[in-house]
Amino acid sequence: MNTQFDRITIDPELMNGQPCIRSMRLTVRRVVEAVALYPDRAELKQEYPELEDEDIRQALEFAADNLDDQIITLGAA
């Protein structure tokens, strides 16, 4: 992926240093949760009118980039 995340900001003085969207008090984690809660993009934008499409895209990509690639062995069901 190797995107430059120009909309993701990390400031130790804001939200305890969690990655945020454009220095707002809106964390990447919250945006990812909101995308799951509001799969309809129009409804998501109604709840978070300050979010732009590029904010959402970068939040999702940032989250995916920061997941560990690890193998998790699942037991038999």
C-alpha atoms as a PDB file:
ATOM      1  CA  MET A   1       0.000   0.000   0.000  1.00  0.00           C
ATOM      2  CA  ASN A   2       2.643   2.582   1.070  1.00  0.00           C
ATOM      3  CA  THR A   3       0.301   5.556   1.150  1.00  0.00           C
ATOM      4  CA  GLN A   4       1.319   8.833   2.694  1.00  0.00           C
ATOM      5  CA  PHE A   5      -1.323   9.416   5.346  1.00  0.00           C
ATOM      6  CA  ASP A   6      -1.661  13.182   5.129  1.00  0.00           C
ATOM      7  CA  ARG A   7      -5.032  13.182   6.925  1.00  0.00           C
ATOM      8  CA  ILE A   8      -3.925  11.041   9.861  1.00  0.00           C
ATOM      9  CA  THR A   9      -2.347  13.006  12.696  1.00  0.00           C
ATOM     10  CA  ILE A  10      -0.721  11.782  15.880  1.00  0.00           C
ATOM     11  CA  ASP A  11      -0.293  14.322  18.661  1.00  0.00           C
ATOM     12  CA  PRO A  12       0.545  13.247  22.224  1.00  0.00           C
ATOM     13  CA  GLU A  13      -1.559  16.176  23.478  1.00  0.00           C
ATOM     14  CA  LEU A  14      -4.678  15.078  21.574  1.00  0.00           C
ATOM     15  CA  MET A  15      -6.648  11.944  22.453  1.00  0.00           C
ATOM     16  CA  ASN A  16      -3.651  10.478  24.312  1.00  0.00           C
ATOM     17  CA  GLY A  17      -1.636  10.249  21.110  1.00  0.00           C
ATOM     18  CA  GLN A  18      -4.111   8.040  19.267  1.00  0.00           C
ATOM     19  CA  PRO A  19      -4.146   8.474  15.482  1.00  0.00           C
ATOM     20  CA  CYS A  20      -6.813  11.058  14.611  1.00  0.00           C
ATOM     21  CA  ILE A  21      -8.395  12.499  11.501  1.00  0.00           C
ATOM     22  CA  ARG A  22      -6.968  15.927  10.600  1.00  0.00           C
ATOM     23  CA  SER A  23      -6.190  16.862  14.229  1.00  0.00           C
ATOM     24  CA  MET A  24      -9.865  16.574  15.147  1.00  0.00           C
ATOM     25  CA  ARG A  25     -10.967  14.723  18.261  1.00  0.00           C
ATOM     26  CA  LEU A  26     -12.034  11.871  16.002  1.00  0.00           C
ATOM     27  CA  THR A  27      -9.806   8.813  16.150  1.00  0.00           C
ATOM     28  CA  VAL A  28      -9.050   6.422  13.320  1.00  0.00           C
ATOM     29  CA  ARG A  29     -10.472   3.679  15.535  1.00  0.00           C
ATOM     30  CA  ARG A  30     -13.787   5.545  15.841  1.00  0.00           C
ATOM     31  CA  VAL A  31     -13.974   6.049  12.085  1.00  0.00           C
ATOM     32  CA  VAL A  32     -13.412   2.326  11.459  1.00  0.00           C
ATOM     33  CA  GLU A  33     -16.094   1.485  14.041  1.00  0.00           C
ATOM     34  CA  ALA A  34     -18.469   3.994  12.427  1.00  0.00           C
ATOM     35  CA  VAL A  35     -17.948   2.430   8.992  1.00  0.00           C
ATOM     36  CA  ALA A  36     -18.985  -0.918  10.491  1.00  0.00           C
ATOM     37  CA  LEU A  37     -22.008   0.601  12.263  1.00  0.00           C
ATOM     38  CA  TYR A  38     -23.167   2.671   9.282  1.00  0.00           C
ATOM     39  CA  PRO A  39     -22.510   0.664   6.102  1.00  0.00           C
ATOM     40  CA  ASP A  40     -24.671   3.158   4.217  1.00  0.00           C
ATOM     41  CA  ARG A  41     -22.228   5.980   3.428  1.00  0.00           C
ATOM     42  CA  ALA A  42     -25.026   8.597   3.437  1.00  0.00           C
ATOM     43  CA  GLU A  43     -26.013   7.604   6.971  1.00  0.00           C
ATOM     44  CA  LEU A  44     -22.358   7.685   8.046  1.00  0.00           C
ATOM     45  CA  LYS A  45     -21.981  11.193   6.642  1.00  0.00           C
ATOM     46  CA  GLN A  46     -25.154  12.270   8.433  1.00  0.00           C
ATOM     47  CA  GLU A  47     -23.711  11.100  11.766  1.00  0.00           C
ATOM     48  CA  TYR A  48     -20.232  12.522  11.033  1.00  0.00           C
ATOM     49  CA  PRO A  49     -20.675  15.455   8.621  1.00  0.00           C
ATOM     50  CA  GLU A  50     -17.073  16.577   9.204  1.00  0.00           C
ATOM     51  CA  LEU A  51     -15.732  13.398   7.589  1.00  0.00           C
ATOM     52  CA  GLU A  52     -14.706  13.520   3.958  1.00  0.00           C
ATOM     53  CA  ASP A  53     -14.415  10.484   1.695  1.00  0.00           C
ATOM     54  CA  GLU A  54     -10.613  10.701   1.746  1.00  0.00           C
ATOM     55  CA  ASP A  55     -10.656  10.743   5.579  1.00  0.00           C
ATOM     56  CA  ILE A  56     -12.602   7.490   5.600  1.00  0.00           C
ATOM     57  CA  ARG A  57     -10.404   5.869   2.964  1.00  0.00           C
ATOM     58  CA  GLN A  58      -7.188   6.794   4.763  1.00  0.00           C
ATOM     59  CA  ALA A  59      -8.566   5.666   8.135  1.00  0.00           C
ATOM     60  CA  LEU A  60      -9.381   2.237   6.723  1.00  0.00           C
ATOM     61  CA  GLU A  61      -6.043   1.938   4.962  1.00  0.00           C
ATOM     62  CA  PHE A  62      -4.144   3.136   8.058  1.00  0.00           C
ATOM     63  CA  ALA A  63      -5.927   0.529  10.194  1.00  0.00           C
ATOM     64  CA  ALA A  64      -5.172  -2.232   7.683  1.00  0.00           C
ATOM     65  CA  ASP A  65      -1.533  -1.152   7.436  1.00  0.00           C
ATOM     66  CA  ASN A  66      -1.155  -1.336  11.187  1.00  0.00           C
ATOM     67  CA  LEU A  67      -2.584  -4.788  11.742  1.00  0.00           C
ATOM     68  CA  ASP A  68      -0.009  -7.428  12.537  1.00  0.00           C
ATOM     69  CA  ASP A  69       0.348 -10.150   9.958  1.00  0.00           C
ATOM     70  CA  GLN A  70       0.162 -13.170  12.188  1.00  0.00           C
ATOM     71  CA  ILE A  71      -1.227 -16.650  11.883  1.00  0.00           C
ATOM     72  CA  ILE A  72      -3.835 -17.532  14.468  1.00  0.00           C
ATOM     73  CA  THR A  73      -4.553 -21.239  14.857  1.00  0.00           C
ATOM     74  CA  LEU A  74      -8.204 -21.918  15.550  1.00  0.00           C
ATOM     75  CA  GLY A  75      -9.316 -25.034  17.390  1.00  0.00           C
ATOM     76  CA  ALA A  76     -11.822 -27.446  15.926  1.00  0.00           C
ATOM     77  CA  ALA A  77     -15.423 -26.395  16.376  1.00  0.00           C
END
